[in-house]
């Protein structure tokens, strides 16, 4: 996928705290184990342009019991025992398997409890026989084994066997960013700056280490716990890239989630960590309105909007949003990556520094929630419609894929000259 080419991290600056994973349990069996690299699951369900398989992030809420994902006619104890039998004895000796909270093509994510401390964690169990999973996970573990920051999900330890890898990670139980906003009942610009400060702190730390996330979006921003004082955590580093020494921090892989992809990625120019700042501009726009700055069911039209940097502040609640907040967004959603704010500059922007003190303290919750729920309902309808017609489209899928690829190539060529100009 291209992400795997960035395996060597630079030496971090002396003023940046850096910790390694506490422990890695190696495979101690056959010495010619072909699975030398830890791998990652592919299945978040969202499209990742140009990547072989999308990564999966740990779900925030404890899901249904393990038994609910197996055949209903089996006794519950039998089903649970069968599932737990898939875990390496070293894992079950240390952790109690509690519930299945997520699944993907190559993995299962379970909620566990440390037997000694009773601390809850999440374990991602990955099948190692899939090349795509290995490629995607390589970048995630390369990053997570080296970072420690309060706003970044923490890898605790890794167990490796000949057939599976078990990643023990912090469990974020507070839910996704926008789920919390909908449930909150009140949301002001000051609340938005508190959220963005935490995310920007984490992104600044990553960028200082030469790490680019490349898939920042609301689904990858989770609250650590349900309390009002919970921190935000950045998750899902399946598309992350770590800078090599001397490569000038330039990346070339076309990857990301369509609505959040920066223009320079679309025109296939070498790019820097400024693509994360573009994504933060999109997130900031949604955070203050519940709507997307760039959105179209037609992928070509969507990319055209992005390449032009075409968005507006029309509709509710934008008339109630301060000009300072809009200026913050404008300085991030800048087509020219060289003119885009860095994470440090964003943290020093007057709107963030003052925590929107000069802005209206009007509660934007009603409009934001309505817009978020409207969009979720619309996407749900689209998904159901797509599922109902999937069988009739299956014979045309290869042709449709070729058409989309051709359209994207044509669009890239069309706008390359405009962008370069």
Protein backbone atom coordinates (compact mmCIF):
# COMPACT_ATOMS: atom_id res chain seq x y z
CA UNK A 1 0.00 0.00 0.00
CA UNK A 2 3.01 2.25 0.14
CA UNK A 3 2.66 2.92 3.86
CA UNK A 4 4.94 0.02 4.57
CA UNK A 5 7.86 1.80 2.98
CA UNK A 6 8.13 4.12 5.96
CA UNK A 7 9.55 1.84 8.63
CA UNK A 8 12.50 3.87 9.89
CA UNK A 9 11.76 6.71 12.27
CA UNK A 10 14.16 9.62 12.78
CA UNK A 11 15.79 10.24 16.12
CA UNK A 12 13.26 12.33 18.08
CA UNK A 13 14.11 15.78 19.37
CA UNK A 14 15.47 15.74 22.94
CA UNK A 15 12.54 17.72 24.27
CA UNK A 16 9.99 15.14 23.13
CA UNK A 17 9.08 12.31 25.45
CA UNK A 18 9.41 8.91 23.77
CA UNK A 19 8.51 5.52 25.19
CA UNK A 20 8.57 2.04 23.73
CA UNK A 21 5.90 -0.62 24.09
CA UNK A 22 6.15 -2.06 27.54
CA UNK A 23 6.49 -5.62 26.37
CA UNK A 24 6.43 -7.79 23.25
CA UNK A 25 5.82 -11.49 23.65
CA UNK A 26 7.58 -13.21 20.72
CA UNK A 27 6.63 -16.47 19.08
CA UNK A 28 8.80 -19.17 20.64
CA UNK A 29 7.88 -22.10 18.45
CA UNK A 30 9.12 -22.80 14.94
CA UNK A 31 12.19 -20.71 14.23
CA UNK A 32 11.37 -20.14 10.58
CA UNK A 33 8.17 -18.26 11.24
CA UNK A 34 7.40 -16.36 8.05
CA UNK A 35 5.30 -13.74 9.84
CA UNK A 36 8.11 -11.54 11.07
CA UNK A 37 6.07 -8.33 11.06
CA UNK A 38 3.06 -7.59 13.24
CA UNK A 39 -0.01 -7.00 11.12
CA UNK A 40 -3.21 -5.06 11.35
CA UNK A 41 -6.80 -5.69 10.42
CA UNK A 42 -8.35 -4.08 7.40
CA UNK A 43 -11.98 -3.63 8.13
CA UNK A 44 -13.32 -0.29 9.25
CA UNK A 45 -15.92 -0.34 6.53
CA UNK A 46 -14.91 3.04 5.12
CA UNK A 47 -13.21 3.51 1.77
CA UNK A 48 -9.51 4.31 1.78
CA UNK A 49 -8.50 5.59 -1.60
CA UNK A 50 -5.49 3.86 -3.06
CA UNK A 51 -5.07 1.45 -0.13
CA UNK A 52 -5.52 -2.33 -0.42
CA UNK A 53 -7.73 -2.60 2.63
CA UNK A 54 -9.02 -0.04 5.11
CA UNK A 55 -7.85 -0.23 8.71
CA UNK A 56 -10.16 -0.84 11.62
CA UNK A 57 -10.19 1.29 14.73
CA UNK A 58 -11.13 0.03 18.14
CA UNK A 59 -14.80 0.62 18.77
CA UNK A 60 -15.54 2.90 21.73
CA UNK A 61 -18.33 1.06 23.44
CA UNK A 62 -18.33 -2.40 24.96
CA UNK A 63 -20.33 -4.34 22.40
CA UNK A 64 -22.59 -7.35 22.67
CA UNK A 65 -21.44 -10.45 24.48
CA UNK A 66 -19.22 -12.84 22.57
CA UNK A 67 -22.09 -15.27 22.23
CA UNK A 68 -24.15 -12.89 20.10
CA UNK A 69 -21.73 -13.27 17.17
CA UNK A 70 -22.05 -17.06 16.92
CA UNK A 71 -24.75 -19.55 16.02
CA UNK A 72 -27.83 -19.02 18.25
CA UNK A 73 -28.64 -22.72 18.71
CA UNK A 74 -25.40 -23.52 20.56
CA UNK A 75 -25.36 -23.28 24.36
CA UNK A 76 -23.89 -19.96 25.42
CA UNK A 77 -21.06 -21.50 27.46
CA UNK A 78 -20.05 -23.64 24.49
CA UNK A 79 -19.96 -20.65 22.18
CA UNK A 80 -17.90 -18.54 24.59
CA UNK A 81 -15.50 -21.43 25.20
CA UNK A 82 -15.04 -21.91 21.44
CA UNK A 83 -14.22 -18.26 20.96
CA UNK A 84 -11.82 -18.07 23.88
CA UNK A 85 -10.06 -21.17 22.59
CA UNK A 86 -8.82 -19.07 19.67
CA UNK A 87 -6.65 -17.06 22.03
CA UNK A 88 -3.08 -17.98 22.81
CA UNK A 89 -2.71 -19.38 26.36
CA UNK A 90 -0.28 -16.56 27.20
CA UNK A 91 -3.09 -14.08 26.51
CA UNK A 92 -5.80 -15.89 28.46
CA UNK A 93 -3.40 -16.47 31.35
CA UNK A 94 -3.10 -12.70 31.74
CA UNK A 95 -6.44 -11.37 30.51
CA UNK A 96 -10.09 -12.34 30.93
CA UNK A 97 -11.91 -12.19 27.57
CA UNK A 98 -15.13 -10.26 28.16
CA UNK A 99 -16.87 -9.26 24.94
CA UNK A 100 -16.51 -8.98 21.21
CA UNK A 101 -16.67 -5.27 20.34
CA UNK A 102 -15.65 -5.22 16.69
CA UNK A 103 -14.77 -7.37 13.71
CA UNK A 104 -13.11 -6.95 10.35
CA UNK A 105 -12.00 -9.10 7.45
CA UNK A 106 -8.76 -10.08 9.14
CA UNK A 107 -9.38 -9.50 12.83
CA UNK A 108 -11.58 -9.42 15.86
CA UNK A 109 -11.44 -6.77 18.59
CA UNK A 110 -12.43 -7.86 22.08
CA UNK A 111 -12.82 -6.14 25.41
CA UNK A 112 -10.69 -7.79 28.07
CA UNK A 113 -9.81 -7.31 31.70
CA UNK A 114 -6.36 -7.69 33.18
CA UNK A 115 -6.64 -10.45 35.77
CA UNK A 116 -4.34 -8.84 38.31
CA UNK A 117 -5.27 -5.16 38.05
CA UNK A 118 -8.87 -5.50 36.77
CA UNK A 119 -8.01 -2.75 34.25
CA UNK A 120 -10.04 -3.00 31.00
CA UNK A 121 -8.24 -3.10 27.67
CA UNK A 122 -8.96 -3.92 24.05
CA UNK A 123 -7.19 -6.75 22.23
CA UNK A 124 -7.07 -6.84 18.46
CA UNK A 125 -6.60 -10.43 17.30
CA UNK A 126 -5.25 -10.54 13.75
CA UNK A 127 -4.91 -13.46 11.37
CA UNK A 128 -1.40 -13.35 9.91
CA UNK A 129 -2.05 -15.15 6.65
CA UNK A 130 -3.38 -12.06 4.85
CA UNK A 131 -0.81 -9.90 3.07
CA UNK A 132 -3.06 -6.83 3.05
CA UNK A 133 -3.44 -6.91 6.81
CA UNK A 134 0.31 -7.20 7.30
CA UNK A 135 0.99 -4.22 5.08
CA UNK A 136 -1.53 -1.97 6.76
CA UNK A 137 -0.56 -2.94 10.29
CA UNK A 138 3.15 -2.52 9.78
CA UNK A 139 2.80 1.24 9.81
CA UNK A 140 0.48 1.28 12.81
CA UNK A 141 2.76 -0.75 15.03
CA UNK A 142 5.80 1.15 13.85
CA UNK A 143 4.11 4.27 15.19
CA UNK A 144 2.35 2.97 18.30
CA UNK A 145 5.40 1.18 19.65
CA UNK A 146 7.25 4.49 19.80
CA UNK A 147 4.74 7.12 20.87
CA UNK A 148 3.36 8.07 24.24
CA UNK A 149 1.05 11.03 24.47
CA UNK A 150 -2.07 11.66 26.50
CA UNK A 151 -4.12 12.27 23.34
CA UNK A 152 -2.91 9.23 21.39
CA UNK A 153 -4.20 5.68 21.93
CA UNK A 154 -1.53 3.62 23.70
CA UNK A 155 -0.29 0.18 22.71
CA UNK A 156 0.37 -1.84 25.88
CA UNK A 157 1.91 -5.08 24.64
CA UNK A 158 1.96 -7.46 21.68
CA UNK A 159 1.76 -11.26 21.61
CA UNK A 160 2.84 -13.08 18.46
CA UNK A 161 2.15 -16.67 17.39
CA UNK A 162 2.73 -18.42 14.10
CA UNK A 163 -0.85 -17.78 12.96
CA UNK A 164 -2.03 -14.74 14.90
CA UNK A 165 -0.94 -11.49 16.48
CA UNK A 166 -2.62 -9.99 19.56
CA UNK A 167 -2.33 -6.24 20.09
CA UNK A 168 -3.26 -5.14 23.62
CA UNK A 169 -4.34 -1.50 23.58
CA UNK A 170 -6.02 1.11 25.73
CA UNK A 171 -9.78 0.86 25.61
CA UNK A 172 -11.56 4.10 24.78
CA UNK A 173 -15.07 3.80 26.23
CA UNK A 174 -16.34 7.37 25.89
CA UNK A 175 -17.60 7.15 22.33
CA UNK A 176 -16.90 9.03 19.13
CA UNK A 177 -16.57 12.80 19.10
CA UNK A 178 -19.85 13.60 17.36
CA UNK A 179 -21.87 11.01 19.25
CA UNK A 180 -20.87 12.88 22.41
CA UNK A 181 -21.83 16.24 20.90
CA UNK A 182 -25.30 14.99 19.97
CA UNK A 183 -25.84 13.60 23.47
CA UNK A 184 -24.35 16.62 25.26
CA UNK A 185 -27.25 19.06 24.93
CA UNK A 186 -24.98 22.08 24.73
CA UNK A 187 -22.07 22.95 22.46
CA UNK A 188 -20.40 26.32 22.02
CA UNK A 189 -17.33 27.63 20.21
CA UNK A 190 -15.46 27.39 23.48
CA UNK A 191 -16.29 23.66 23.63
CA UNK A 192 -14.97 23.34 20.07
CA UNK A 193 -11.66 24.98 20.96
CA UNK A 194 -11.22 22.61 23.93
CA UNK A 195 -11.63 19.63 21.61
CA UNK A 196 -9.33 21.06 18.95
CA UNK A 197 -6.62 21.91 21.47
CA UNK A 198 -6.40 18.26 22.51
CA UNK A 199 -6.35 17.00 18.94
CA UNK A 200 -3.80 19.62 17.86
CA UNK A 201 -1.55 18.72 20.81
CA UNK A 202 -1.52 15.12 19.65
CA UNK A 203 -0.95 16.02 16.00
CA UNK A 204 1.86 18.44 16.88
CA UNK A 205 3.57 15.66 18.85
CA UNK A 206 3.26 13.25 15.90
CA UNK A 207 4.56 15.80 13.41
CA UNK A 208 7.51 16.59 15.66
CA UNK A 209 8.45 12.90 15.47
CA UNK A 210 8.09 12.91 11.69
CA UNK A 211 4.82 10.93 11.80
CA UNK A 212 1.87 11.80 9.57
CA UNK A 213 -1.48 10.21 10.46
CA UNK A 214 -3.03 10.54 6.96
CA UNK A 215 -6.51 9.51 8.04
CA UNK A 216 -7.68 12.05 10.61
CA UNK A 217 -11.48 12.13 10.77
CA UNK A 218 -14.16 12.24 13.49
CA UNK A 219 -14.46 8.45 13.66
CA UNK A 220 -10.81 8.26 14.71
CA UNK A 221 -11.23 10.75 17.57
CA UNK A 222 -12.54 8.95 20.65
CA UNK A 223 -13.27 9.99 24.22
CA UNK A 224 -11.30 7.98 26.75
CA UNK A 225 -14.21 7.63 29.20
CA UNK A 226 -17.86 8.78 29.42
CA UNK A 227 -17.18 11.52 31.99
CA UNK A 228 -17.43 15.21 31.17
CA UNK A 229 -13.73 15.68 31.86
CA UNK A 230 -12.62 12.96 29.45
CA UNK A 231 -9.72 13.56 27.10
CA UNK A 232 -9.88 13.02 23.32
CA UNK A 233 -7.66 10.30 21.86
CA UNK A 234 -6.40 9.93 18.29
CA UNK A 235 -6.76 6.34 17.07
CA UNK A 236 -6.25 4.18 13.97
CA UNK A 237 -2.73 4.56 12.60
CA UNK A 238 -3.20 2.05 9.77
CA UNK A 239 -2.35 4.66 7.13
CA UNK A 240 0.28 6.52 9.14
CA UNK A 241 3.65 7.30 7.60
CA UNK A 242 6.92 7.79 9.45
CA UNK A 243 9.57 9.98 7.85
CA UNK A 244 12.89 8.49 6.89
CA UNK A 245 16.07 10.44 7.41
CA UNK A 246 16.88 12.57 4.39
CA UNK A 247 13.57 12.07 2.55
CA UNK A 248 12.50 15.66 3.25
CA UNK A 249 9.23 14.40 4.76
CA UNK A 250 7.67 13.91 1.31
CA UNK A 251 5.10 11.19 0.76
CA UNK A 252 3.52 9.94 -2.45
CA UNK A 253 0.97 7.26 -1.55
CA UNK A 254 -2.61 8.14 -2.51
CA UNK A 255 -4.59 7.20 0.58
CA UNK A 256 -7.14 8.58 2.99
CA UNK A 257 -10.89 8.92 3.34
CA UNK A 258 -12.40 10.80 0.34
CA UNK A 259 -14.11 13.72 2.12
CA UNK A 260 -10.94 14.46 4.12
CA UNK A 261 -8.27 14.07 1.43
CA UNK A 262 -6.10 17.13 0.79
CA UNK A 263 -5.88 18.56 -2.77
CA UNK A 264 -2.18 17.75 -3.16
CA UNK A 265 -2.89 14.05 -2.63
CA UNK A 266 -5.58 14.08 -5.31
CA UNK A 267 -3.24 15.54 -7.92
CA UNK A 268 -0.60 13.00 -6.88
CA UNK A 269 2.02 15.50 -5.93
CA UNK A 270 4.59 14.64 -3.25
CA UNK A 271 3.13 15.93 0.01
CA UNK A 272 4.03 16.61 3.63
CA UNK A 273 2.31 16.34 7.02
CA UNK A 274 0.25 19.39 6.03
CA UNK A 275 -2.34 16.89 4.73
CA UNK A 276 -3.23 16.26 8.39
CA UNK A 277 -3.89 19.98 8.82
CA UNK A 278 -6.28 20.00 5.86
CA UNK A 279 -8.18 17.11 7.49
CA UNK A 280 -8.32 19.10 10.73
CA UNK A 281 -9.85 21.97 8.77
CA UNK A 282 -12.59 19.62 7.57
CA UNK A 283 -13.11 18.35 11.13
CA UNK A 284 -13.28 21.91 12.48
CA UNK A 285 -15.91 22.81 9.88
CA UNK A 286 -18.04 19.80 10.88
CA UNK A 287 -17.44 20.49 14.58
CA UNK A 288 -19.02 23.94 14.28
CA UNK A 289 -21.88 23.10 11.92
CA UNK A 290 -22.60 19.38 11.75
CA UNK A 291 -22.17 19.57 7.97
CA UNK A 292 -19.36 18.70 5.57
CA UNK A 293 -17.44 21.40 3.70
CA UNK A 294 -17.01 19.06 0.73
CA UNK A 295 -19.66 16.46 0.02
CA UNK A 296 -21.09 14.84 -3.08
CA UNK A 297 -22.23 11.30 -3.84
CA UNK A 298 -20.39 11.60 -7.13
CA UNK A 299 -16.71 11.08 -6.41
CA UNK A 300 -15.52 13.19 -9.35
CA UNK A 301 -17.62 16.17 -8.27
CA UNK A 302 -16.42 15.74 -4.68
CA UNK A 303 -12.78 15.82 -5.78
CA UNK A 304 -13.48 18.83 -7.96
CA UNK A 305 -14.79 20.73 -4.93
CA UNK A 306 -11.72 19.78 -2.92
CA UNK A 307 -9.28 20.74 -5.67
CA UNK A 308 -10.91 24.15 -5.94
CA UNK A 309 -11.17 24.55 -2.17
CA UNK A 310 -14.81 25.32 -2.78
CA UNK A 311 -16.92 25.53 0.39
CA UNK A 312 -19.26 28.08 1.96
CA UNK A 313 -20.61 29.28 5.29
CA UNK A 314 -24.27 29.26 4.33
CA UNK A 315 -27.09 27.80 6.39
CA UNK A 316 -27.44 27.27 10.12
CA UNK A 317 -25.61 27.72 12.39
CA UNK A 318 -23.00 29.69 10.43
CA UNK A 319 -24.58 33.15 10.97
CA UNK A 320 -23.99 32.58 14.70
CA UNK A 321 -20.37 31.44 14.30
CA UNK A 322 -17.66 34.06 14.86
CA UNK A 323 -15.44 35.40 12.10
CA UNK A 324 -12.42 34.31 14.12
CA UNK A 325 -13.60 30.69 13.99
CA UNK A 326 -14.14 30.97 10.24
CA UNK A 327 -10.67 32.46 9.85
CA UNK A 328 -9.25 29.43 11.69
CA UNK A 329 -10.97 27.09 9.22
CA UNK A 330 -9.93 29.19 6.21
CA UNK A 331 -6.28 28.99 7.22
CA UNK A 332 -6.52 25.20 7.28
CA UNK A 333 -8.67 24.63 4.18
CA UNK A 334 -6.09 26.36 1.99
CA UNK A 335 -5.40 24.59 -1.31
CA UNK A 336 -1.76 25.66 -1.23
CA UNK A 337 -0.16 23.40 1.41
CA UNK A 338 2.65 25.90 1.93
CA UNK A 339 0.16 28.52 3.10
CA UNK A 340 -1.69 26.14 5.40
CA UNK A 341 -1.25 26.49 9.17
CA UNK A 342 0.98 24.00 10.94
CA UNK A 343 -0.20 22.33 14.15
CA UNK A 344 1.89 24.76 16.20
CA UNK A 345 0.49 27.77 14.32
CA UNK A 346 -3.05 26.45 14.77
CA UNK A 347 -2.49 26.14 18.51
CA UNK A 348 -1.38 29.79 18.53
CA UNK A 349 -4.34 31.05 16.49
CA UNK A 350 -6.24 33.74 18.46
CA UNK A 351 -9.48 31.75 18.37
CA UNK A 352 -7.82 28.76 20.05
CA UNK A 353 -5.55 30.69 22.41
CA UNK A 354 -8.45 32.74 23.77
CA UNK A 355 -10.66 29.63 23.81
CA UNK A 356 -13.16 31.64 21.79
CA UNK A 357 -13.35 34.25 24.54
CA UNK A 358 -14.16 36.99 22.02
CA UNK A 359 -16.69 34.77 20.24
CA UNK A 360 -20.37 34.37 20.82
CA UNK A 361 -21.14 31.84 23.56
CA UNK A 362 -24.34 30.93 21.77
CA UNK A 363 -25.33 27.27 22.10
CA UNK A 364 -24.87 25.78 18.61
CA UNK A 365 -26.03 22.35 19.74
CA UNK A 366 -29.49 22.34 18.14
CA UNK A 367 -28.30 23.13 14.63
CA UNK A 368 -25.19 20.92 14.84
CA UNK A 369 -27.15 17.94 16.17
CA UNK A 370 -29.91 18.32 13.58
CA UNK A 371 -27.36 18.49 10.77
CA UNK A 372 -25.38 15.52 12.09
CA UNK A 373 -28.50 13.39 12.53
CA UNK A 374 -29.82 14.42 9.12
CA UNK A 375 -26.56 13.39 7.50
CA UNK A 376 -26.45 10.09 9.40
CA UNK A 377 -30.02 9.31 8.34
CA UNK A 378 -29.23 10.15 4.72
CA UNK A 379 -26.14 7.93 4.72
CA UNK A 380 -28.12 5.11 6.33
CA UNK A 381 -30.75 5.34 3.58
CA UNK A 382 -28.01 5.30 0.94
CA UNK A 383 -26.42 2.23 2.54
CA UNK A 384 -29.73 0.35 2.62
CA UNK A 385 -30.40 1.27 -0.99
CA UNK A 386 -26.93 0.11 -1.98
CA UNK A 387 -27.39 -3.19 -0.16
CA UNK A 388 -30.75 -3.86 -1.84
CA UNK A 389 -29.26 -3.41 -5.31
CA UNK A 390 -25.87 -5.04 -4.65
CA UNK A 391 -26.76 -8.35 -6.28
CA UNK A 392 -27.98 -6.68 -9.47
CA UNK A 393 -24.80 -4.61 -9.70
CA UNK A 394 -22.35 -7.43 -9.02
CA UNK A 395 -21.95 -8.36 -12.68
CA UNK A 396 -21.13 -4.75 -13.51
CA UNK A 397 -18.73 -4.09 -10.66
CA UNK A 398 -15.50 -4.60 -12.60
CA UNK A 399 -16.68 -2.35 -15.38
CA UNK A 400 -17.81 0.34 -12.90
CA UNK A 401 -14.46 0.20 -11.15
CA UNK A 402 -12.64 0.75 -14.43
CA UNK A 403 -14.93 3.68 -15.24
CA UNK A 404 -14.29 5.30 -11.84
CA UNK A 405 -10.56 4.80 -12.18
CA UNK A 406 -10.62 6.37 -15.64
CA UNK A 407 -12.68 9.31 -14.38
CA UNK A 408 -10.21 9.89 -11.54
CA UNK A 409 -7.26 9.75 -13.92
CA UNK A 410 -8.94 12.24 -16.23
CA UNK A 411 -9.81 14.49 -13.30
CA UNK A 412 -6.24 14.36 -12.03
CA UNK A 413 -4.87 15.29 -15.45
CA UNK A 414 -7.42 18.07 -15.86
CA UNK A 415 -6.57 19.74 -12.58
CA UNK A 416 -2.84 19.03 -12.50
CA UNK A 417 -2.16 21.94 -14.82
CA UNK A 418 -4.52 24.22 -12.90
CA UNK A 419 -2.93 23.24 -9.57
CA UNK A 420 0.62 23.65 -10.84
CA UNK A 421 -0.30 26.98 -12.30
